Amino acid sequence: MKATGIVRRIDDLGRIVIPKEIRRTLRIREGDPLEIYTDAQGGVVFRKYSPVGELSSFAAQYAEVLSKTANLPTLVCDRDHVVAAAGVPRREYLERRVTPELEECMQERHSFVSTPRSRLCPVEGVERQASVVYPIIAQSDVTGAVVVLQAEDGHEPGEAEAKLAQVAAGFLASQLED
C-alpha cells in the first residue's frame, strides 16, 4: 500500500470522508459501491466494486462469440476499465482505463455508432476507434459498456453490428440482475 499522508477522523455515525483528490484520482463518484477488506496487520482497504468485473470470465466468452460473429474486435468494460477483450491482443487492452469520452457516453446512457464525422476512442493509450458502443444498464444503473472496435480496413458499422452490441449489453445486464 502507498501512504497518502492524509488523516481523517470517524464521526459519531461511523462515517469517514474520502478526500476529493483521492476520489478524483481513483474515479470514485457519488453512489459508487465500494468493497471493504481487512488485512492481517489490522488495516482497512476500500476497493471499487465492479459488478461487470464479477462476470469477467463470462463477459470474455460473450465478447469472443460476438467478435467471431461480427468479425470485429469486441471489448466489455465496467465504468472504469476494460474487463474483457476479444479479437485483439488481450494484454494491450485488459485492465486499461476507459477514456473520459467513453465514460461520458456511459454516464449519459447513450449508445454510439461511428460515422465518418463522429469518432470515439474508448481506451486510454490505444488509438483504435470504436464502431459501436452500448451501455450495460442493470437495475437502472449504468455498470459498463459493450464496445465493438473499428475494423482494420476502417469500414463503417452496419445495423447488424449495432444490434449485436445492443443484444450483448442487454444480455450482460440481465445476468447482473439475476
N, C-alpha and C. Protein backbone atom coordinates (compact mmCIF):
# COMPACT_ATOMS: atom_id res chain seq x y z
N MET A 1 0.84 -1.19 0.00
CA MET A 1 0.00 0.00 0.00
C MET A 1 0.88 1.24 0.00
N LYS A 2 0.33 2.32 -0.54
CA LYS A 2 1.05 3.57 -0.62
C LYS A 2 0.43 4.57 0.36
N ALA A 3 1.24 5.15 1.22
CA ALA A 3 0.74 6.15 2.17
C ALA A 3 0.44 7.45 1.46
N THR A 4 -0.67 8.09 1.84
CA THR A 4 -1.04 9.37 1.23
C THR A 4 -0.71 10.55 2.13
N GLY A 5 -0.52 10.29 3.42
CA GLY A 5 -0.25 11.37 4.36
C GLY A 5 -1.50 12.07 4.82
N ILE A 6 -2.66 11.59 4.39
CA ILE A 6 -3.93 12.21 4.77
C ILE A 6 -4.52 11.41 5.94
N VAL A 7 -4.97 12.14 6.97
CA VAL A 7 -5.58 11.50 8.14
C VAL A 7 -6.99 12.06 8.27
N ARG A 8 -7.95 11.18 8.51
CA ARG A 8 -9.35 11.57 8.71
C ARG A 8 -9.87 10.91 9.97
N ARG A 9 -10.81 11.59 10.63
CA ARG A 9 -11.44 11.03 11.83
C ARG A 9 -12.80 10.43 11.45
N ILE A 10 -13.19 9.39 12.18
CA ILE A 10 -14.50 8.79 12.01
C ILE A 10 -15.49 9.59 12.83
N ASP A 11 -16.66 9.92 12.25
CA ASP A 11 -17.66 10.69 13.00
C ASP A 11 -18.48 9.76 13.90
N ASP A 12 -19.43 10.35 14.63
CA ASP A 12 -20.20 9.57 15.61
C ASP A 12 -21.11 8.51 14.97
N LEU A 13 -21.32 8.59 13.66
CA LEU A 13 -22.12 7.58 12.96
C LEU A 13 -21.24 6.54 12.26
N GLY A 14 -19.91 6.62 12.47
CA GLY A 14 -19.00 5.65 11.87
C GLY A 14 -18.59 5.97 10.45
N ARG A 15 -18.84 7.19 10.01
CA ARG A 15 -18.51 7.59 8.63
C ARG A 15 -17.13 8.23 8.57
N ILE A 16 -16.53 8.11 7.40
CA ILE A 16 -15.26 8.76 7.13
C ILE A 16 -15.33 9.36 5.73
N VAL A 17 -14.73 10.51 5.56
CA VAL A 17 -14.74 11.18 4.27
C VAL A 17 -13.48 10.79 3.48
N ILE A 18 -13.69 10.32 2.26
CA ILE A 18 -12.56 10.03 1.37
C ILE A 18 -12.23 11.35 0.68
N PRO A 19 -11.01 11.83 0.81
CA PRO A 19 -10.65 13.14 0.26
C PRO A 19 -10.92 13.25 -1.25
N LYS A 20 -11.29 14.45 -1.65
CA LYS A 20 -11.65 14.72 -3.04
C LYS A 20 -10.53 14.34 -4.00
N GLU A 21 -9.28 14.60 -3.63
CA GLU A 21 -8.15 14.28 -4.52
C GLU A 21 -8.08 12.79 -4.80
N ILE A 22 -8.32 11.99 -3.77
CA ILE A 22 -8.28 10.52 -3.94
C ILE A 22 -9.49 10.07 -4.75
N ARG A 23 -10.67 10.63 -4.48
CA ARG A 23 -11.86 10.26 -5.26
C ARG A 23 -11.66 10.60 -6.73
N ARG A 24 -11.08 11.74 -7.02
CA ARG A 24 -10.85 12.15 -8.40
C ARG A 24 -9.83 11.23 -9.08
N THR A 25 -8.74 10.95 -8.40
CA THR A 25 -7.69 10.09 -8.95
C THR A 25 -8.20 8.68 -9.24
N LEU A 26 -9.00 8.14 -8.33
CA LEU A 26 -9.50 6.77 -8.48
C LEU A 26 -10.86 6.70 -9.17
N ARG A 27 -11.35 7.86 -9.61
CA ARG A 27 -12.64 7.95 -10.30
C ARG A 27 -13.77 7.38 -9.45
N ILE A 28 -13.78 7.73 -8.18
CA ILE A 28 -14.87 7.31 -7.30
C ILE A 28 -15.90 8.43 -7.31
N ARG A 29 -17.11 8.08 -7.76
CA ARG A 29 -18.19 9.06 -7.85
C ARG A 29 -19.23 8.79 -6.77
N GLU A 30 -20.04 9.80 -6.51
CA GLU A 30 -21.11 9.65 -5.54
C GLU A 30 -22.00 8.47 -5.95
N GLY A 31 -22.28 7.60 -5.00
CA GLY A 31 -23.13 6.45 -5.28
C GLY A 31 -22.37 5.21 -5.72
N ASP A 32 -21.07 5.31 -5.99
CA ASP A 32 -20.29 4.15 -6.39
C ASP A 32 -20.19 3.15 -5.24
N PRO A 33 -20.36 1.86 -5.53
CA PRO A 33 -20.20 0.87 -4.47
C PRO A 33 -18.72 0.60 -4.19
N LEU A 34 -18.37 0.45 -2.93
CA LEU A 34 -17.01 0.14 -2.52
C LEU A 34 -17.02 -1.15 -1.71
N GLU A 35 -16.04 -2.03 -1.97
CA GLU A 35 -15.86 -3.23 -1.17
C GLU A 35 -14.91 -2.90 -0.03
N ILE A 36 -15.14 -3.49 1.13
CA ILE A 36 -14.29 -3.24 2.29
C ILE A 36 -13.57 -4.53 2.65
N TYR A 37 -12.25 -4.43 2.74
CA TYR A 37 -11.40 -5.57 3.09
C TYR A 37 -10.61 -5.22 4.34
N THR A 38 -10.22 -6.23 5.07
CA THR A 38 -9.28 -6.03 6.16
C THR A 38 -8.05 -6.88 5.87
N ASP A 39 -6.89 -6.42 6.32
CA ASP A 39 -5.67 -7.20 6.12
C ASP A 39 -5.16 -7.73 7.46
N ALA A 40 -4.16 -8.58 7.39
CA ALA A 40 -3.63 -9.24 8.59
C ALA A 40 -3.01 -8.27 9.59
N GLN A 41 -2.59 -7.10 9.13
CA GLN A 41 -1.96 -6.12 10.02
C GLN A 41 -2.99 -5.17 10.65
N GLY A 42 -4.28 -5.45 10.47
CA GLY A 42 -5.32 -4.61 11.07
C GLY A 42 -5.72 -3.43 10.20
N GLY A 43 -5.30 -3.43 8.96
CA GLY A 43 -5.65 -2.34 8.05
C GLY A 43 -7.02 -2.55 7.41
N VAL A 44 -7.62 -1.46 6.98
CA VAL A 44 -8.90 -1.49 6.27
C VAL A 44 -8.64 -0.96 4.87
N VAL A 45 -9.10 -1.70 3.87
CA VAL A 45 -8.87 -1.32 2.48
C VAL A 45 -10.22 -1.19 1.79
N PHE A 46 -10.42 -0.06 1.09
CA PHE A 46 -11.62 0.14 0.28
C PHE A 46 -11.23 -0.05 -1.18
N ARG A 47 -12.07 -0.79 -1.90
CA ARG A 47 -11.81 -1.02 -3.31
C ARG A 47 -13.11 -0.84 -4.08
N LYS A 48 -13.03 -0.18 -5.23
CA LYS A 48 -14.23 -0.01 -6.05
C LYS A 48 -14.77 -1.37 -6.44
N TYR A 49 -16.07 -1.52 -6.31
CA TYR A 49 -16.72 -2.76 -6.68
C TYR A 49 -17.21 -2.66 -8.12
N SER A 50 -16.93 -3.68 -8.90
CA SER A 50 -17.35 -3.72 -10.30
C SER A 50 -18.23 -4.93 -10.54
N PRO A 51 -19.55 -4.73 -10.67
CA PRO A 51 -20.43 -5.86 -10.97
C PRO A 51 -20.05 -6.55 -12.28
N VAL A 52 -19.66 -5.78 -13.29
CA VAL A 52 -19.25 -6.36 -14.57
C VAL A 52 -17.95 -7.14 -14.38
N GLY A 53 -17.06 -6.64 -13.55
CA GLY A 53 -15.81 -7.35 -13.26
C GLY A 53 -16.07 -8.72 -12.65
N GLU A 54 -17.15 -8.86 -11.88
CA GLU A 54 -17.51 -10.14 -11.29
C GLU A 54 -17.86 -11.16 -12.37
N LEU A 55 -18.31 -10.67 -13.52
CA LEU A 55 -18.68 -11.54 -14.64
C LEU A 55 -17.58 -11.62 -15.69
N SER A 56 -16.35 -11.28 -15.33
CA SER A 56 -15.30 -11.12 -16.34
C SER A 56 -15.07 -12.36 -17.20
N SER A 57 -15.10 -13.56 -16.62
CA SER A 57 -14.88 -14.75 -17.45
C SER A 57 -16.07 -14.99 -18.37
N PHE A 58 -17.28 -14.76 -17.87
CA PHE A 58 -18.47 -14.88 -18.71
C PHE A 58 -18.47 -13.80 -19.79
N ALA A 59 -18.11 -12.57 -19.41
CA ALA A 59 -18.05 -11.46 -20.37
C ALA A 59 -17.01 -11.74 -21.44
N ALA A 60 -15.90 -12.38 -21.06
CA ALA A 60 -14.85 -12.72 -22.04
C ALA A 60 -15.37 -13.73 -23.06
N GLN A 61 -16.14 -14.71 -22.59
CA GLN A 61 -16.72 -15.69 -23.51
C GLN A 61 -17.71 -15.02 -24.45
N TYR A 62 -18.54 -14.13 -23.91
CA TYR A 62 -19.52 -13.44 -24.75
C TYR A 62 -18.81 -12.54 -25.77
N ALA A 63 -17.77 -11.84 -25.32
CA ALA A 63 -17.01 -10.98 -26.25
C ALA A 63 -16.39 -11.81 -27.36
N GLU A 64 -15.90 -13.00 -27.03
CA GLU A 64 -15.30 -13.89 -28.03
C GLU A 64 -16.33 -14.29 -29.09
N VAL A 65 -17.51 -14.68 -28.65
CA VAL A 65 -18.58 -15.08 -29.58
C VAL A 65 -19.00 -13.89 -30.44
N LEU A 66 -19.17 -12.73 -29.81
CA LEU A 66 -19.58 -11.53 -30.54
C LEU A 66 -18.52 -11.14 -31.56
N SER A 67 -17.25 -11.22 -31.17
CA SER A 67 -16.16 -10.88 -32.07
C SER A 67 -16.13 -11.80 -33.29
N LYS A 68 -16.32 -13.08 -33.07
CA LYS A 68 -16.33 -14.03 -34.19
C LYS A 68 -17.55 -13.85 -35.08
N THR A 69 -18.70 -13.57 -34.48
CA THR A 69 -19.93 -13.39 -35.24
C THR A 69 -19.87 -12.14 -36.12
N ALA A 70 -19.44 -11.03 -35.53
CA ALA A 70 -19.38 -9.76 -36.26
C ALA A 70 -18.09 -9.60 -37.06
N ASN A 71 -17.13 -10.49 -36.78
CA ASN A 71 -15.80 -10.38 -37.39
C ASN A 71 -15.16 -9.03 -37.08
N LEU A 72 -15.38 -8.57 -35.85
CA LEU A 72 -14.83 -7.30 -35.37
C LEU A 72 -14.35 -7.48 -33.94
N PRO A 73 -13.27 -6.78 -33.55
CA PRO A 73 -12.81 -6.85 -32.16
C PRO A 73 -13.87 -6.29 -31.20
N THR A 74 -13.98 -6.91 -30.03
CA THR A 74 -15.01 -6.53 -29.08
C THR A 74 -14.42 -6.40 -27.69
N LEU A 75 -14.88 -5.39 -26.95
CA LEU A 75 -14.47 -5.17 -25.57
C LEU A 75 -15.71 -5.12 -24.68
N VAL A 76 -15.54 -5.55 -23.45
CA VAL A 76 -16.56 -5.33 -22.43
C VAL A 76 -15.86 -4.55 -21.32
N CYS A 77 -16.47 -3.44 -20.93
CA CYS A 77 -15.86 -2.54 -19.94
C CYS A 77 -16.79 -2.38 -18.74
N ASP A 78 -16.20 -2.15 -17.57
CA ASP A 78 -17.01 -1.66 -16.47
C ASP A 78 -16.95 -0.14 -16.60
N ARG A 79 -17.29 0.59 -15.59
CA ARG A 79 -17.32 2.06 -15.73
C ARG A 79 -15.92 2.68 -15.79
N ASP A 80 -14.89 1.88 -15.46
CA ASP A 80 -13.55 2.44 -15.41
C ASP A 80 -12.52 1.73 -16.26
N HIS A 81 -12.64 0.41 -16.45
CA HIS A 81 -11.60 -0.38 -17.09
C HIS A 81 -12.18 -1.38 -18.09
N VAL A 82 -11.31 -1.88 -18.95
CA VAL A 82 -11.67 -2.97 -19.84
C VAL A 82 -11.57 -4.27 -19.04
N VAL A 83 -12.66 -5.06 -19.02
CA VAL A 83 -12.65 -6.32 -18.26
C VAL A 83 -12.58 -7.54 -19.17
N ALA A 84 -12.90 -7.38 -20.46
CA ALA A 84 -12.81 -8.50 -21.40
C ALA A 84 -12.51 -7.95 -22.79
N ALA A 85 -11.70 -8.70 -23.55
CA ALA A 85 -11.33 -8.29 -24.91
C ALA A 85 -11.25 -9.53 -25.79
N ALA A 86 -11.73 -9.40 -27.02
CA ALA A 86 -11.66 -10.50 -27.99
C ALA A 86 -11.37 -9.90 -29.37
N GLY A 87 -10.57 -10.62 -30.14
CA GLY A 87 -10.23 -10.17 -31.48
C GLY A 87 -9.08 -9.19 -31.52
N VAL A 88 -8.51 -8.90 -30.37
CA VAL A 88 -7.33 -8.02 -30.25
C VAL A 88 -6.39 -8.64 -29.21
N PRO A 89 -5.13 -8.23 -29.19
CA PRO A 89 -4.24 -8.75 -28.14
C PRO A 89 -4.74 -8.33 -26.75
N ARG A 90 -5.09 -9.30 -25.94
CA ARG A 90 -5.68 -9.01 -24.63
C ARG A 90 -4.77 -8.17 -23.75
N ARG A 91 -3.46 -8.47 -23.78
CA ARG A 91 -2.52 -7.70 -22.94
C ARG A 91 -2.58 -6.21 -23.24
N GLU A 92 -2.88 -5.89 -24.49
CA GLU A 92 -2.92 -4.49 -24.90
C GLU A 92 -4.13 -3.75 -24.33
N TYR A 93 -5.21 -4.47 -24.00
CA TYR A 93 -6.46 -3.83 -23.62
C TYR A 93 -6.90 -4.11 -22.18
N LEU A 94 -6.72 -5.32 -21.69
CA LEU A 94 -7.27 -5.67 -20.37
C LEU A 94 -6.72 -4.77 -19.27
N GLU A 95 -7.62 -4.36 -18.39
CA GLU A 95 -7.33 -3.52 -17.23
C GLU A 95 -6.94 -2.08 -17.59
N ARG A 96 -6.96 -1.73 -18.85
CA ARG A 96 -6.70 -0.33 -19.22
C ARG A 96 -7.91 0.51 -18.89
N ARG A 97 -7.67 1.76 -18.57
CA ARG A 97 -8.75 2.68 -18.24
C ARG A 97 -9.50 3.10 -19.51
N VAL A 98 -10.79 3.31 -19.34
CA VAL A 98 -11.58 3.85 -20.44
C VAL A 98 -11.35 5.35 -20.52
N THR A 99 -11.57 5.92 -21.69
CA THR A 99 -11.37 7.35 -21.88
C THR A 99 -12.53 8.14 -21.27
N PRO A 100 -12.30 9.41 -20.98
CA PRO A 100 -13.40 10.25 -20.49
C PRO A 100 -14.58 10.30 -21.48
N GLU A 101 -14.30 10.19 -22.79
CA GLU A 101 -15.37 10.21 -23.79
C GLU A 101 -16.28 8.98 -23.64
N LEU A 102 -15.68 7.82 -23.44
CA LEU A 102 -16.48 6.61 -23.25
C LEU A 102 -17.21 6.68 -21.91
N GLU A 103 -16.53 7.17 -20.90
CA GLU A 103 -17.14 7.31 -19.58
C GLU A 103 -18.37 8.22 -19.67
N GLU A 104 -18.26 9.31 -20.41
CA GLU A 104 -19.38 10.24 -20.58
C GLU A 104 -20.53 9.58 -21.35
N CYS A 105 -20.18 8.84 -22.38
CA CYS A 105 -21.18 8.12 -23.17
C CYS A 105 -21.98 7.17 -22.28
N MET A 106 -21.28 6.44 -21.40
CA MET A 106 -21.95 5.52 -20.48
C MET A 106 -22.80 6.29 -19.48
N GLN A 107 -22.22 7.33 -18.90
CA GLN A 107 -22.92 8.09 -17.86
C GLN A 107 -24.21 8.69 -18.40
N GLU A 108 -24.19 9.14 -19.65
CA GLU A 108 -25.39 9.74 -20.26
C GLU A 108 -26.31 8.69 -20.84
N ARG A 109 -25.92 7.40 -20.74
CA ARG A 109 -26.73 6.29 -21.22
C ARG A 109 -26.98 6.36 -22.72
N HIS A 110 -25.98 6.84 -23.44
CA HIS A 110 -26.10 6.98 -24.88
C HIS A 110 -25.41 5.82 -25.57
N SER A 111 -26.04 5.34 -26.62
CA SER A 111 -25.33 4.41 -27.49
C SER A 111 -24.57 5.26 -28.50
N PHE A 112 -23.61 4.65 -29.16
CA PHE A 112 -22.79 5.38 -30.13
C PHE A 112 -22.56 4.48 -31.33
N VAL A 113 -22.77 5.01 -32.51
CA VAL A 113 -22.42 4.32 -33.75
C VAL A 113 -21.60 5.30 -34.56
N SER A 114 -20.40 4.90 -34.93
CA SER A 114 -19.49 5.83 -35.60
C SER A 114 -19.96 6.15 -37.01
N THR A 115 -19.61 7.33 -37.43
CA THR A 115 -19.83 7.81 -38.80
C THR A 115 -18.52 8.46 -39.23
N PRO A 116 -18.39 8.82 -40.50
CA PRO A 116 -17.14 9.49 -40.90
C PRO A 116 -16.87 10.77 -40.11
N ARG A 117 -17.92 11.39 -39.57
CA ARG A 117 -17.75 12.65 -38.83
C ARG A 117 -17.63 12.47 -37.32
N SER A 118 -18.12 11.36 -36.80
CA SER A 118 -18.07 11.17 -35.35
C SER A 118 -17.17 9.99 -35.00
N ARG A 119 -16.25 10.24 -34.11
CA ARG A 119 -15.29 9.23 -33.67
C ARG A 119 -15.28 9.17 -32.16
N LEU A 120 -14.95 8.00 -31.63
CA LEU A 120 -14.82 7.84 -30.20
C LEU A 120 -13.70 6.84 -29.95
N CYS A 121 -12.69 7.30 -29.24
CA CYS A 121 -11.58 6.43 -28.85
C CYS A 121 -11.91 5.92 -27.44
N PRO A 122 -12.15 4.60 -27.26
CA PRO A 122 -12.67 4.12 -25.99
C PRO A 122 -11.65 3.81 -24.89
N VAL A 123 -10.39 3.56 -25.26
CA VAL A 123 -9.42 3.08 -24.28
C VAL A 123 -8.21 4.00 -24.23
N GLU A 124 -7.83 4.41 -23.02
CA GLU A 124 -6.66 5.29 -22.88
C GLU A 124 -5.40 4.58 -23.35
N GLY A 125 -4.59 5.30 -24.12
CA GLY A 125 -3.32 4.77 -24.58
C GLY A 125 -3.40 3.88 -25.80
N VAL A 126 -4.60 3.69 -26.34
CA VAL A 126 -4.79 2.87 -27.54
C VAL A 126 -5.54 3.71 -28.56
N GLU A 127 -4.99 3.79 -29.77
CA GLU A 127 -5.56 4.67 -30.79
C GLU A 127 -6.78 4.11 -31.51
N ARG A 128 -7.08 2.84 -31.38
CA ARG A 128 -8.17 2.21 -32.13
C ARG A 128 -9.52 2.82 -31.75
N GLN A 129 -10.31 3.14 -32.77
CA GLN A 129 -11.60 3.79 -32.58
C GLN A 129 -12.72 2.77 -32.36
N ALA A 130 -13.79 3.22 -31.72
CA ALA A 130 -14.97 2.39 -31.52
C ALA A 130 -15.88 2.53 -32.73
N SER A 131 -16.49 1.41 -33.12
CA SER A 131 -17.54 1.44 -34.16
C SER A 131 -18.90 1.60 -33.50
N VAL A 132 -19.11 0.82 -32.43
CA VAL A 132 -20.40 0.80 -31.75
C VAL A 132 -20.15 0.71 -30.25
N VAL A 133 -20.94 1.45 -29.48
CA VAL A 133 -20.90 1.39 -28.02
C VAL A 133 -22.33 1.31 -27.51
N TYR A 134 -22.60 0.35 -26.64
CA TYR A 134 -23.89 0.26 -25.96
C TYR A 134 -23.63 0.14 -24.47
N PRO A 135 -24.24 1.01 -23.66
CA PRO A 135 -24.07 0.90 -22.21
C PRO A 135 -24.79 -0.32 -21.66
N ILE A 136 -24.22 -0.89 -20.62
CA ILE A 136 -24.84 -2.01 -19.89
C ILE A 136 -25.57 -1.38 -18.71
N ILE A 137 -26.90 -1.48 -18.73
CA ILE A 137 -27.71 -0.86 -17.68
C ILE A 137 -28.45 -1.97 -16.93
N ALA A 138 -28.06 -2.16 -15.68
CA ALA A 138 -28.67 -3.19 -14.83
C ALA A 138 -29.31 -2.54 -13.62
N GLN A 139 -30.56 -2.86 -13.36
CA GLN A 139 -31.30 -2.30 -12.24
C GLN A 139 -31.22 -0.78 -12.24
N SER A 140 -31.39 -0.20 -13.40
CA SER A 140 -31.39 1.24 -13.67
C SER A 140 -30.06 1.93 -13.38
N ASP A 141 -28.97 1.16 -13.18
CA ASP A 141 -27.65 1.73 -13.00
C ASP A 141 -26.76 1.36 -14.18
N VAL A 142 -25.97 2.32 -14.65
CA VAL A 142 -25.00 2.03 -15.69
C VAL A 142 -23.84 1.29 -15.04
N THR A 143 -23.53 0.10 -15.53
CA THR A 143 -22.47 -0.69 -14.93
C THR A 143 -21.29 -0.89 -15.87
N GLY A 144 -21.44 -0.51 -17.14
CA GLY A 144 -20.36 -0.70 -18.10
C GLY A 144 -20.85 -0.50 -19.52
N ALA A 145 -20.10 -1.08 -20.47
CA ALA A 145 -20.47 -0.94 -21.88
C ALA A 145 -19.89 -2.08 -22.70
N VAL A 146 -20.58 -2.37 -23.79
CA VAL A 146 -20.07 -3.28 -24.81
C VAL A 146 -19.55 -2.38 -25.93
N VAL A 147 -18.30 -2.60 -26.33
CA VAL A 147 -17.66 -1.77 -27.36
C VAL A 147 -17.21 -2.67 -28.50
N VAL A 148 -17.69 -2.37 -29.69
CA VAL A 148 -17.22 -3.05 -30.89
C VAL A 148 -16.24 -2.09 -31.55
N LEU A 149 -15.00 -2.54 -31.71
CA LEU A 149 -13.97 -1.68 -32.28
C LEU A 149 -14.05 -1.67 -33.80
N GLN A 150 -13.49 -0.62 -34.38
CA GLN A 150 -13.50 -0.47 -35.82
C GLN A 150 -12.64 -1.56 -36.48
N ALA A 151 -13.05 -1.96 -37.65
CA ALA A 151 -12.31 -2.96 -38.42
C ALA A 151 -10.99 -2.37 -38.89
N GLU A 152 -10.03 -3.24 -39.16
CA GLU A 152 -8.72 -2.80 -39.65
C GLU A 152 -8.86 -1.98 -40.93
N ASP A 153 -9.80 -2.37 -41.81
CA ASP A 153 -9.97 -1.65 -43.08
C ASP A 153 -10.76 -0.37 -42.92
N GLY A 154 -11.28 -0.11 -41.71
CA GLY A 154 -11.95 1.16 -41.41
C GLY A 154 -13.38 1.25 -41.90
N HIS A 155 -13.98 0.15 -42.37
CA HIS A 155 -15.36 0.26 -42.86
C HIS A 155 -16.31 0.62 -41.72
N GLU A 156 -17.33 1.37 -42.06
CA GLU A 156 -18.29 1.85 -41.07
C GLU A 156 -19.22 0.71 -40.64
N PRO A 157 -19.67 0.72 -39.39
CA PRO A 157 -20.53 -0.35 -38.90
C PRO A 157 -21.91 -0.30 -39.54
N GLY A 158 -22.51 -1.46 -39.65
CA GLY A 158 -23.87 -1.54 -40.17
C GLY A 158 -24.86 -1.73 -39.05
N GLU A 159 -26.11 -1.87 -39.43
CA GLU A 159 -27.18 -2.07 -38.46
C GLU A 159 -27.00 -3.38 -37.70
N ALA A 160 -26.46 -4.39 -38.38
CA ALA A 160 -26.25 -5.70 -37.74
C ALA A 160 -25.27 -5.59 -36.58
N GLU A 161 -24.15 -4.89 -36.76
CA GLU A 161 -23.16 -4.73 -35.70
C GLU A 161 -23.76 -3.98 -34.51
N ALA A 162 -24.55 -2.95 -34.80
CA ALA A 162 -25.18 -2.17 -33.73
C ALA A 162 -26.17 -3.04 -32.95
N LYS A 163 -26.96 -3.84 -33.65
CA LYS A 163 -27.92 -4.72 -32.97
C LYS A 163 -27.21 -5.78 -32.13
N LEU A 164 -26.11 -6.35 -32.66
CA LEU A 164 -25.36 -7.35 -31.89
C LEU A 164 -24.84 -6.76 -30.58
N ALA A 165 -24.30 -5.54 -30.64
CA ALA A 165 -23.79 -4.89 -29.42
C ALA A 165 -24.93 -4.58 -28.46
N GLN A 166 -26.07 -4.17 -28.99
CA GLN A 166 -27.23 -3.87 -28.15
C GLN A 166 -27.72 -5.13 -27.43
N VAL A 167 -27.78 -6.24 -28.17
CA VAL A 167 -28.20 -7.51 -27.57
C VAL A 167 -27.20 -7.95 -26.50
N ALA A 168 -25.92 -7.81 -26.79
CA ALA A 168 -24.88 -8.19 -25.81
C ALA A 168 -25.02 -7.37 -24.53
N ALA A 169 -25.21 -6.06 -24.66
CA ALA A 169 -25.36 -5.21 -23.48
C ALA A 169 -26.60 -5.60 -22.69
N GLY A 170 -27.68 -5.88 -23.38
CA GLY A 170 -28.91 -6.30 -22.71
C GLY A 170 -28.76 -7.63 -22.00
N PHE A 171 -28.07 -8.56 -22.66
CA PHE A 171 -27.88 -9.88 -22.06
C PHE A 171 -26.98 -9.80 -20.82
N LEU A 172 -25.88 -9.07 -20.91
CA LEU A 172 -24.99 -8.91 -19.76
C LEU A 172 -25.72 -8.22 -18.60
N ALA A 173 -26.57 -7.25 -18.93
CA ALA A 173 -27.35 -6.57 -17.90
C ALA A 173 -28.29 -7.55 -17.20
N SER A 174 -28.90 -8.44 -17.98
CA SER A 174 -29.82 -9.42 -17.38
C SER A 174 -29.06 -10.39 -16.47
N GLN A 175 -27.82 -10.71 -16.82
CA GLN A 175 -27.00 -11.59 -15.96
C GLN A 175 -26.66 -10.89 -14.64
N LEU A 176 -26.47 -9.59 -14.68
CA LEU A 176 -26.16 -8.84 -13.46
C LEU A 176 -27.39 -8.72 -12.55
N GLU A 177 -28.58 -8.74 -13.15
CA GLU A 177 -29.80 -8.59 -12.37
C GLU A 177 -30.22 -9.88 -11.70
N ASP A 178 -29.75 -11.02 -12.19
CA ASP A 178 -30.13 -12.32 -11.60
C ASP A 178 -29.39 -12.61 -10.32
